[in-house]
Amino acid sequence: MTDYDITQVPVGGQRIGIIGLKPVLETVARDFAGRPDEEIKAELMARLDKSNYIVPKAKDAYEAAFFREYKKFIGEPMPEDPAGQIQIKVLGPGCPSCDKLEQDLMAVMAELNLPGDLEHVRDVKEIACYGVMGNPALVIKGKVVAAGRVPSKSQLKEWLRAASIK
């Protein structure tokens, strides 16, 4: 781990930079496989608290966020952060199609005046957790809605409107 190993994680409706998340997830997944969820949550908090400032009042929100990231890391789907905005992810290495999808999403979200958390995931391991084979892919509220193509803006509007109602 370097001092620059920072991962953005939604915590209570905000994106927070967490230092050292990936190595902790790898270690806990290896050493705590099959243990009860409460033990895993406690271990994640104990390890990540050493290199991150966790506001005491927000401990529960951080614990839930770390556990969501752990579940995703081991390949078990978890709902996105329930507090706050719609979670939207563009999955892809940063190719022109991925960038176009990200730009189209920003335009549609602005047009709809829709608050949301848009993240472009370029990490191959994280992309693999979603089981997609084609780039770009689009994830809205934890569900893959498109892969291998750039959906039309009208299709994006339809999906985002539906996601904002639920």
N, C-alpha and C. Protein backbone atom coordinates (compact mmCIF):
# COMPACT_ATOMS: atom_id res chain seq x y z
N MET A 1 0.85 -1.18 0.00
CA MET A 1 0.00 0.00 0.00
C MET A 1 0.89 1.24 0.00
N THR A 2 0.53 2.20 -0.85
CA THR A 2 1.23 3.48 -0.84
C THR A 2 0.32 4.50 -0.19
N ASP A 3 0.88 5.66 0.07
CA ASP A 3 0.08 6.73 0.66
C ASP A 3 -1.00 7.22 -0.30
N TYR A 4 -0.91 6.79 -1.57
CA TYR A 4 -1.85 7.28 -2.57
C TYR A 4 -2.92 6.27 -2.92
N ASP A 5 -3.00 5.18 -2.18
CA ASP A 5 -4.02 4.16 -2.43
C ASP A 5 -5.33 4.62 -1.79
N ILE A 6 -6.05 5.47 -2.55
CA ILE A 6 -7.29 6.05 -2.03
C ILE A 6 -8.44 5.61 -2.92
N THR A 7 -9.50 5.10 -2.31
CA THR A 7 -10.68 4.67 -3.02
C THR A 7 -11.86 5.52 -2.57
N GLN A 8 -12.64 6.02 -3.53
CA GLN A 8 -13.83 6.80 -3.21
C GLN A 8 -14.98 5.84 -2.89
N VAL A 9 -15.61 6.05 -1.74
CA VAL A 9 -16.69 5.19 -1.27
C VAL A 9 -17.87 6.06 -0.84
N PRO A 10 -19.10 5.71 -1.25
CA PRO A 10 -20.25 6.48 -0.76
C PRO A 10 -20.52 6.17 0.71
N VAL A 11 -20.55 7.22 1.52
CA VAL A 11 -20.84 7.09 2.95
C VAL A 11 -21.89 8.14 3.28
N GLY A 12 -23.08 7.71 3.62
CA GLY A 12 -24.13 8.65 4.02
C GLY A 12 -24.46 9.70 2.97
N GLY A 13 -24.43 9.31 1.69
CA GLY A 13 -24.78 10.25 0.62
C GLY A 13 -23.63 11.08 0.10
N GLN A 14 -22.45 10.92 0.67
CA GLN A 14 -21.25 11.66 0.23
C GLN A 14 -20.19 10.66 -0.22
N ARG A 15 -19.35 11.06 -1.18
CA ARG A 15 -18.21 10.23 -1.57
C ARG A 15 -17.04 10.60 -0.69
N ILE A 16 -16.48 9.61 -0.03
CA ILE A 16 -15.38 9.81 0.91
C ILE A 16 -14.17 9.01 0.42
N GLY A 17 -13.01 9.64 0.45
CA GLY A 17 -11.78 8.96 0.09
C GLY A 17 -11.30 8.10 1.26
N ILE A 18 -11.11 6.82 1.01
CA ILE A 18 -10.66 5.88 2.04
C ILE A 18 -9.26 5.38 1.66
N ILE A 19 -8.33 5.56 2.56
CA ILE A 19 -6.96 5.13 2.33
C ILE A 19 -6.83 3.64 2.66
N GLY A 20 -6.24 2.90 1.73
CA GLY A 20 -5.92 1.49 1.97
C GLY A 20 -7.08 0.52 1.93
N LEU A 21 -8.17 0.87 1.29
CA LEU A 21 -9.34 -0.02 1.28
C LEU A 21 -9.05 -1.34 0.55
N LYS A 22 -8.47 -1.28 -0.62
CA LYS A 22 -8.28 -2.50 -1.42
C LYS A 22 -7.43 -3.55 -0.72
N PRO A 23 -6.26 -3.19 -0.15
CA PRO A 23 -5.49 -4.22 0.55
C PRO A 23 -6.22 -4.79 1.77
N VAL A 24 -6.99 -3.95 2.45
CA VAL A 24 -7.75 -4.45 3.61
C VAL A 24 -8.83 -5.43 3.13
N LEU A 25 -9.51 -5.10 2.04
CA LEU A 25 -10.53 -6.01 1.51
C LEU A 25 -9.90 -7.36 1.13
N GLU A 26 -8.73 -7.32 0.48
CA GLU A 26 -8.05 -8.56 0.09
C GLU A 26 -7.72 -9.40 1.31
N THR A 27 -7.16 -8.78 2.34
CA THR A 27 -6.75 -9.50 3.54
C THR A 27 -7.95 -10.06 4.30
N VAL A 28 -8.97 -9.24 4.49
CA VAL A 28 -10.16 -9.69 5.23
C VAL A 28 -10.88 -10.80 4.46
N ALA A 29 -10.96 -10.66 3.14
CA ALA A 29 -11.61 -11.71 2.33
C ALA A 29 -10.87 -13.04 2.47
N ARG A 30 -9.57 -12.97 2.54
CA ARG A 30 -8.76 -14.18 2.66
C ARG A 30 -8.83 -14.77 4.09
N ASP A 31 -8.68 -13.91 5.09
CA ASP A 31 -8.55 -14.38 6.47
C ASP A 31 -9.87 -14.57 7.22
N PHE A 32 -10.94 -13.96 6.73
CA PHE A 32 -12.21 -14.00 7.46
C PHE A 32 -13.34 -14.65 6.66
N ALA A 33 -13.00 -15.35 5.59
CA ALA A 33 -14.03 -16.02 4.78
C ALA A 33 -14.84 -16.96 5.65
N GLY A 34 -16.15 -16.88 5.51
CA GLY A 34 -17.04 -17.76 6.24
C GLY A 34 -17.37 -17.34 7.66
N ARG A 35 -16.75 -16.28 8.13
CA ARG A 35 -17.03 -15.81 9.49
C ARG A 35 -18.33 -14.99 9.48
N PRO A 36 -18.94 -14.81 10.65
CA PRO A 36 -20.18 -14.02 10.73
C PRO A 36 -19.96 -12.57 10.27
N ASP A 37 -21.01 -12.00 9.70
CA ASP A 37 -20.95 -10.62 9.20
C ASP A 37 -20.47 -9.64 10.26
N GLU A 38 -20.91 -9.81 11.49
CA GLU A 38 -20.52 -8.86 12.54
C GLU A 38 -19.01 -8.88 12.79
N GLU A 39 -18.40 -10.06 12.71
CA GLU A 39 -16.95 -10.15 12.87
C GLU A 39 -16.24 -9.45 11.72
N ILE A 40 -16.75 -9.66 10.52
CA ILE A 40 -16.15 -9.04 9.33
C ILE A 40 -16.27 -7.52 9.42
N LYS A 41 -17.44 -7.03 9.80
CA LYS A 41 -17.64 -5.58 9.94
C LYS A 41 -16.66 -5.00 10.97
N ALA A 42 -16.53 -5.67 12.09
CA ALA A 42 -15.64 -5.19 13.15
C ALA A 42 -14.19 -5.17 12.67
N GLU A 43 -13.79 -6.19 11.94
CA GLU A 43 -12.41 -6.25 11.44
C GLU A 43 -12.15 -5.16 10.40
N LEU A 44 -13.10 -4.95 9.52
CA LEU A 44 -12.95 -3.87 8.52
C LEU A 44 -12.78 -2.52 9.22
N MET A 45 -13.63 -2.26 10.21
CA MET A 45 -13.55 -1.00 10.94
C MET A 45 -12.21 -0.88 11.67
N ALA A 46 -11.78 -1.93 12.34
CA ALA A 46 -10.53 -1.88 13.10
C ALA A 46 -9.34 -1.60 12.18
N ARG A 47 -9.31 -2.24 11.04
CA ARG A 47 -8.18 -2.05 10.12
C ARG A 47 -8.22 -0.70 9.42
N LEU A 48 -9.39 -0.28 9.00
CA LEU A 48 -9.48 0.98 8.24
C LEU A 48 -9.43 2.21 9.13
N ASP A 49 -9.79 2.04 10.40
CA ASP A 49 -9.74 3.16 11.33
C ASP A 49 -8.29 3.60 11.59
N LYS A 50 -7.34 2.68 11.40
CA LYS A 50 -5.93 2.99 11.64
C LYS A 50 -5.38 4.04 10.68
N SER A 51 -5.86 4.05 9.43
CA SER A 51 -5.31 4.97 8.43
C SER A 51 -6.32 6.01 7.93
N ASN A 52 -7.50 6.04 8.52
CA ASN A 52 -8.54 6.99 8.11
C ASN A 52 -9.17 7.63 9.34
N TYR A 53 -9.54 8.88 9.20
CA TYR A 53 -10.27 9.54 10.29
C TYR A 53 -11.75 9.21 10.10
N ILE A 54 -12.32 8.55 11.08
CA ILE A 54 -13.74 8.19 11.04
C ILE A 54 -14.43 8.96 12.15
N VAL A 55 -15.34 9.82 11.75
CA VAL A 55 -16.08 10.64 12.70
C VAL A 55 -16.90 9.71 13.59
N PRO A 56 -16.77 9.84 14.91
CA PRO A 56 -17.50 8.93 15.81
C PRO A 56 -19.00 8.87 15.54
N LYS A 57 -19.61 10.00 15.24
CA LYS A 57 -21.06 10.01 14.99
C LYS A 57 -21.43 9.25 13.71
N ALA A 58 -20.47 9.12 12.80
CA ALA A 58 -20.74 8.48 11.51
C ALA A 58 -20.23 7.04 11.45
N LYS A 59 -19.84 6.48 12.58
CA LYS A 59 -19.26 5.13 12.62
C LYS A 59 -20.16 4.10 11.94
N ASP A 60 -21.45 4.14 12.23
CA ASP A 60 -22.37 3.16 11.64
C ASP A 60 -22.44 3.30 10.12
N ALA A 61 -22.43 4.54 9.62
CA ALA A 61 -22.48 4.76 8.18
C ALA A 61 -21.21 4.25 7.51
N TYR A 62 -20.06 4.48 8.15
CA TYR A 62 -18.80 3.96 7.62
C TYR A 62 -18.78 2.43 7.63
N GLU A 63 -19.24 1.86 8.73
CA GLU A 63 -19.26 0.40 8.83
C GLU A 63 -20.11 -0.20 7.73
N ALA A 64 -21.28 0.39 7.49
CA ALA A 64 -22.16 -0.11 6.43
C ALA A 64 -21.50 0.05 5.06
N ALA A 65 -20.82 1.18 4.84
CA ALA A 65 -20.15 1.42 3.56
C ALA A 65 -19.02 0.43 3.34
N PHE A 66 -18.22 0.20 4.38
CA PHE A 66 -17.11 -0.75 4.25
C PHE A 66 -17.63 -2.16 3.98
N PHE A 67 -18.72 -2.52 4.64
CA PHE A 67 -19.28 -3.86 4.44
C PHE A 67 -19.85 -4.00 3.03
N ARG A 68 -20.50 -2.94 2.51
CA ARG A 68 -20.98 -2.97 1.12
C ARG A 68 -19.81 -3.21 0.17
N GLU A 69 -18.71 -2.49 0.39
CA GLU A 69 -17.54 -2.64 -0.48
C GLU A 69 -16.95 -4.05 -0.36
N TYR A 70 -16.95 -4.60 0.84
CA TYR A 70 -16.46 -5.97 1.05
C TYR A 70 -17.32 -6.97 0.28
N LYS A 71 -18.63 -6.84 0.40
CA LYS A 71 -19.53 -7.77 -0.28
C LYS A 71 -19.34 -7.70 -1.79
N LYS A 72 -19.21 -6.48 -2.31
CA LYS A 72 -18.97 -6.34 -3.74
C LYS A 72 -17.63 -6.96 -4.12
N PHE A 73 -16.62 -6.76 -3.28
CA PHE A 73 -15.29 -7.29 -3.54
C PHE A 73 -15.30 -8.81 -3.64
N ILE A 74 -16.07 -9.48 -2.80
CA ILE A 74 -16.11 -10.95 -2.83
C ILE A 74 -17.14 -11.47 -3.83
N GLY A 75 -17.77 -10.55 -4.58
CA GLY A 75 -18.67 -10.95 -5.64
C GLY A 75 -20.12 -11.12 -5.25
N GLU A 76 -20.48 -10.65 -4.07
CA GLU A 76 -21.88 -10.70 -3.66
C GLU A 76 -22.49 -9.32 -3.87
N PRO A 77 -23.51 -9.22 -4.72
CA PRO A 77 -24.09 -7.90 -4.97
C PRO A 77 -24.70 -7.30 -3.71
N MET A 78 -24.50 -6.03 -3.58
CA MET A 78 -25.05 -5.28 -2.44
C MET A 78 -25.70 -4.03 -2.99
N PRO A 79 -26.77 -3.58 -2.35
CA PRO A 79 -27.36 -2.32 -2.79
C PRO A 79 -26.39 -1.18 -2.53
N GLU A 80 -26.50 -0.14 -3.33
CA GLU A 80 -25.66 1.04 -3.13
C GLU A 80 -26.07 1.75 -1.85
N ASP A 81 -25.36 2.79 -1.52
CA ASP A 81 -25.62 3.58 -0.32
C ASP A 81 -27.07 4.03 -0.32
N PRO A 82 -27.88 3.61 0.67
CA PRO A 82 -29.29 3.95 0.67
C PRO A 82 -29.54 5.43 0.92
N ALA A 83 -28.62 6.11 1.58
CA ALA A 83 -28.82 7.53 1.85
C ALA A 83 -28.37 8.33 0.65
N GLY A 84 -29.10 9.35 0.34
CA GLY A 84 -28.61 10.28 -0.67
C GLY A 84 -29.05 9.97 -2.08
N GLN A 85 -28.12 10.18 -2.99
CA GLN A 85 -28.42 10.25 -4.41
C GLN A 85 -28.38 8.88 -5.09
N ILE A 86 -28.86 8.89 -6.33
CA ILE A 86 -28.80 7.69 -7.16
C ILE A 86 -27.33 7.42 -7.48
N GLN A 87 -26.92 6.18 -7.31
CA GLN A 87 -25.56 5.77 -7.61
C GLN A 87 -25.50 5.28 -9.06
N ILE A 88 -24.63 5.91 -9.86
CA ILE A 88 -24.50 5.58 -11.26
C ILE A 88 -23.02 5.32 -11.54
N LYS A 89 -22.74 4.23 -12.24
CA LYS A 89 -21.35 3.91 -12.57
C LYS A 89 -21.22 3.60 -14.05
N VAL A 90 -20.19 4.19 -14.64
CA VAL A 90 -19.78 3.82 -15.98
C VAL A 90 -18.60 2.88 -15.78
N LEU A 91 -18.68 1.69 -16.35
CA LEU A 91 -17.61 0.72 -16.23
C LEU A 91 -16.85 0.65 -17.54
N GLY A 92 -15.56 0.90 -17.48
CA GLY A 92 -14.73 0.82 -18.68
C GLY A 92 -13.40 1.50 -18.48
N PRO A 93 -12.44 1.14 -19.33
CA PRO A 93 -11.06 1.60 -19.14
C PRO A 93 -10.81 3.07 -19.46
N GLY A 94 -11.79 3.74 -20.03
CA GLY A 94 -11.57 5.14 -20.41
C GLY A 94 -11.45 5.31 -21.91
N CYS A 95 -12.00 4.38 -22.65
CA CYS A 95 -11.99 4.45 -24.11
C CYS A 95 -12.95 5.55 -24.56
N PRO A 96 -12.92 5.93 -25.84
CA PRO A 96 -13.83 6.99 -26.32
C PRO A 96 -15.31 6.68 -26.06
N SER A 97 -15.71 5.42 -26.18
CA SER A 97 -17.12 5.07 -25.92
C SER A 97 -17.47 5.26 -24.45
N CYS A 98 -16.55 4.87 -23.57
CA CYS A 98 -16.78 5.04 -22.12
C CYS A 98 -16.92 6.52 -21.78
N ASP A 99 -16.01 7.32 -22.34
CA ASP A 99 -16.04 8.75 -22.08
C ASP A 99 -17.31 9.39 -22.63
N LYS A 100 -17.77 8.92 -23.81
CA LYS A 100 -19.01 9.45 -24.38
C LYS A 100 -20.20 9.13 -23.48
N LEU A 101 -20.24 7.91 -22.98
CA LEU A 101 -21.34 7.53 -22.08
C LEU A 101 -21.33 8.41 -20.84
N GLU A 102 -20.16 8.63 -20.27
CA GLU A 102 -20.06 9.49 -19.08
C GLU A 102 -20.53 10.91 -19.39
N GLN A 103 -20.12 11.46 -20.53
CA GLN A 103 -20.54 12.81 -20.91
C GLN A 103 -22.05 12.87 -21.16
N ASP A 104 -22.59 11.86 -21.83
CA ASP A 104 -24.04 11.81 -22.08
C ASP A 104 -24.82 11.75 -20.77
N LEU A 105 -24.33 10.97 -19.84
CA LEU A 105 -24.99 10.87 -18.53
C LEU A 105 -25.00 12.21 -17.81
N MET A 106 -23.86 12.91 -17.84
CA MET A 106 -23.80 14.22 -17.19
C MET A 106 -24.79 15.18 -17.83
N ALA A 107 -24.88 15.15 -19.16
CA ALA A 107 -25.81 16.03 -19.86
C ALA A 107 -27.26 15.71 -19.50
N VAL A 108 -27.60 14.43 -19.49
CA VAL A 108 -28.97 14.01 -19.17
C VAL A 108 -29.31 14.34 -17.71
N MET A 109 -28.38 14.09 -16.81
CA MET A 109 -28.63 14.40 -15.40
C MET A 109 -28.85 15.90 -15.19
N ALA A 110 -28.07 16.71 -15.90
CA ALA A 110 -28.24 18.17 -15.81
C ALA A 110 -29.59 18.58 -16.39
N GLU A 111 -29.94 18.00 -17.52
CA GLU A 111 -31.23 18.32 -18.17
C GLU A 111 -32.41 17.96 -17.27
N LEU A 112 -32.31 16.81 -16.59
CA LEU A 112 -33.39 16.36 -15.70
C LEU A 112 -33.30 17.00 -14.31
N ASN A 113 -32.22 17.75 -14.07
CA ASN A 113 -31.96 18.32 -12.75
C ASN A 113 -31.99 17.21 -11.69
N LEU A 114 -31.32 16.12 -12.03
CA LEU A 114 -31.33 14.92 -11.20
C LEU A 114 -30.05 14.82 -10.38
N PRO A 115 -30.16 14.86 -9.06
CA PRO A 115 -28.95 14.67 -8.26
C PRO A 115 -28.53 13.20 -8.31
N GLY A 116 -27.27 12.98 -8.47
CA GLY A 116 -26.79 11.62 -8.53
C GLY A 116 -25.29 11.58 -8.33
N ASP A 117 -24.81 10.42 -8.03
CA ASP A 117 -23.39 10.21 -7.83
C ASP A 117 -22.89 9.40 -9.02
N LEU A 118 -22.20 10.08 -9.94
CA LEU A 118 -21.70 9.45 -11.15
C LEU A 118 -20.22 9.14 -10.97
N GLU A 119 -19.87 7.88 -11.14
CA GLU A 119 -18.48 7.45 -10.99
C GLU A 119 -18.07 6.67 -12.23
N HIS A 120 -16.86 6.94 -12.72
CA HIS A 120 -16.31 6.17 -13.84
C HIS A 120 -15.32 5.16 -13.25
N VAL A 121 -15.66 3.89 -13.29
CA VAL A 121 -14.84 2.83 -12.72
C VAL A 121 -13.93 2.29 -13.81
N ARG A 122 -12.63 2.44 -13.61
CA ARG A 122 -11.64 1.98 -14.59
C ARG A 122 -10.87 0.75 -14.11
N ASP A 123 -11.01 0.40 -12.84
CA ASP A 123 -10.28 -0.72 -12.26
C ASP A 123 -10.87 -2.04 -12.77
N VAL A 124 -10.02 -2.86 -13.42
CA VAL A 124 -10.47 -4.10 -14.04
C VAL A 124 -11.07 -5.06 -13.02
N LYS A 125 -10.49 -5.16 -11.84
CA LYS A 125 -11.03 -6.06 -10.81
C LYS A 125 -12.42 -5.63 -10.38
N GLU A 126 -12.62 -4.33 -10.21
CA GLU A 126 -13.94 -3.86 -9.79
C GLU A 126 -14.96 -4.07 -10.90
N ILE A 127 -14.54 -3.83 -12.14
CA ILE A 127 -15.44 -4.06 -13.29
C ILE A 127 -15.84 -5.53 -13.33
N ALA A 128 -14.88 -6.41 -13.09
CA ALA A 128 -15.15 -7.86 -13.14
C ALA A 128 -16.20 -8.27 -12.12
N CYS A 129 -16.29 -7.56 -11.01
CA CYS A 129 -17.30 -7.88 -9.98
C CYS A 129 -18.72 -7.77 -10.52
N TYR A 130 -18.90 -7.00 -11.57
CA TYR A 130 -20.24 -6.82 -12.14
C TYR A 130 -20.54 -7.86 -13.22
N GLY A 131 -19.55 -8.64 -13.63
CA GLY A 131 -19.78 -9.71 -14.59
C GLY A 131 -20.05 -9.24 -16.01
N VAL A 132 -19.62 -8.04 -16.36
CA VAL A 132 -19.86 -7.54 -17.72
C VAL A 132 -18.68 -7.91 -18.61
N MET A 133 -18.97 -8.15 -19.88
CA MET A 133 -17.93 -8.54 -20.82
C MET A 133 -17.61 -7.43 -21.82
N GLY A 134 -18.55 -6.52 -22.05
CA GLY A 134 -18.33 -5.47 -23.05
C GLY A 134 -18.22 -4.10 -22.42
N ASN A 135 -17.43 -3.26 -23.09
CA ASN A 135 -17.29 -1.86 -22.64
C ASN A 135 -17.97 -0.94 -23.64
N PRO A 136 -18.52 0.14 -23.17
CA PRO A 136 -18.72 0.48 -21.77
C PRO A 136 -19.92 -0.26 -21.19
N ALA A 137 -20.02 -0.23 -19.88
CA ALA A 137 -21.20 -0.78 -19.21
C ALA A 137 -21.74 0.30 -18.29
N LEU A 138 -23.02 0.24 -18.01
CA LEU A 138 -23.70 1.23 -17.17
C LEU A 138 -24.40 0.51 -16.03
N VAL A 139 -24.13 0.98 -14.82
CA VAL A 139 -24.75 0.43 -13.61
C VAL A 139 -25.53 1.56 -12.95
N ILE A 140 -26.82 1.31 -12.71
CA ILE A 140 -27.67 2.28 -12.03
C ILE A 140 -28.25 1.59 -10.80
N LYS A 141 -27.99 2.17 -9.63
CA LYS A 141 -28.46 1.63 -8.36
C LYS A 141 -28.06 0.17 -8.19
N GLY A 142 -26.81 -0.14 -8.56
CA GLY A 142 -26.28 -1.48 -8.35
C GLY A 142 -26.64 -2.51 -9.40
N LYS A 143 -27.42 -2.11 -10.42
CA LYS A 143 -27.88 -3.06 -11.44
C LYS A 143 -27.29 -2.67 -12.80
N VAL A 144 -26.70 -3.65 -13.49
CA VAL A 144 -26.17 -3.41 -14.83
C VAL A 144 -27.36 -3.27 -15.78
N VAL A 145 -27.45 -2.11 -16.45
CA VAL A 145 -28.56 -1.88 -17.38
C VAL A 145 -28.12 -1.88 -18.83
N ALA A 146 -26.82 -1.76 -19.08
CA ALA A 146 -26.32 -1.80 -20.45
C ALA A 146 -24.86 -2.24 -20.43
N ALA A 147 -24.46 -2.96 -21.47
CA ALA A 147 -23.06 -3.38 -21.60
C ALA A 147 -22.71 -3.51 -23.07
N GLY A 148 -21.52 -3.04 -23.42
CA GLY A 148 -21.02 -3.19 -24.77
C GLY A 148 -21.52 -2.17 -25.76
N ARG A 149 -22.21 -1.14 -25.26
CA ARG A 149 -22.73 -0.11 -26.18
C ARG A 149 -23.01 1.17 -25.41
N VAL A 150 -23.15 2.26 -26.16
CA VAL A 150 -23.53 3.54 -25.56
C VAL A 150 -25.02 3.72 -25.83
N PRO A 151 -25.86 3.64 -24.80
CA PRO A 151 -27.29 3.83 -24.99
C PRO A 151 -27.60 5.26 -25.46
N SER A 152 -28.75 5.40 -26.13
CA SER A 152 -29.17 6.73 -26.58
C SER A 152 -29.50 7.61 -25.38
N LYS A 153 -29.48 8.91 -25.59
CA LYS A 153 -29.82 9.82 -24.50
C LYS A 153 -31.27 9.62 -24.06
N SER A 154 -32.16 9.30 -24.98
CA SER A 154 -33.55 9.07 -24.60
C SER A 154 -33.67 7.83 -23.71
N GLN A 155 -32.88 6.79 -24.00
CA GLN A 155 -32.88 5.60 -23.16
C GLN A 155 -32.31 5.92 -21.78
N LEU A 156 -31.23 6.72 -21.74
CA LEU A 156 -30.64 7.12 -20.46
C LEU A 156 -31.67 7.89 -19.62
N LYS A 157 -32.40 8.81 -20.26
CA LYS A 157 -33.43 9.57 -19.54
C LYS A 157 -34.47 8.64 -18.93
N GLU A 158 -34.90 7.66 -19.72
CA GLU A 158 -35.92 6.72 -19.26
C GLU A 158 -35.43 5.95 -18.03
N TRP A 159 -34.21 5.43 -18.10
CA TRP A 159 -33.65 4.66 -16.97
C TRP A 159 -33.46 5.54 -15.74
N LEU A 160 -32.96 6.75 -15.93
CA LEU A 160 -32.71 7.63 -14.79
C LEU A 160 -34.01 8.11 -14.15
N ARG A 161 -35.01 8.39 -14.97
CA ARG A 161 -36.32 8.76 -14.40
C ARG A 161 -36.88 7.62 -13.58
N ALA A 162 -36.81 6.41 -14.12
CA ALA A 162 -37.33 5.24 -13.40
C ALA A 162 -36.56 5.03 -12.09
N ALA A 163 -35.26 5.21 -12.12
CA ALA A 163 -34.43 5.01 -10.93
C ALA A 163 -34.72 6.06 -9.86
N SER A 164 -35.07 7.27 -10.29
CA SER A 164 -35.33 8.34 -9.32
C SER A 164 -36.68 8.18 -8.64
N ILE A 165 -37.58 7.43 -9.23
CA ILE A 165 -38.91 7.21 -8.67
C ILE A 165 -38.87 6.12 -7.60
N LYS A 166 -38.07 5.10 -7.83
CA LYS A 166 -38.03 3.93 -6.94
C LYS A 166 -37.43 4.28 -5.60
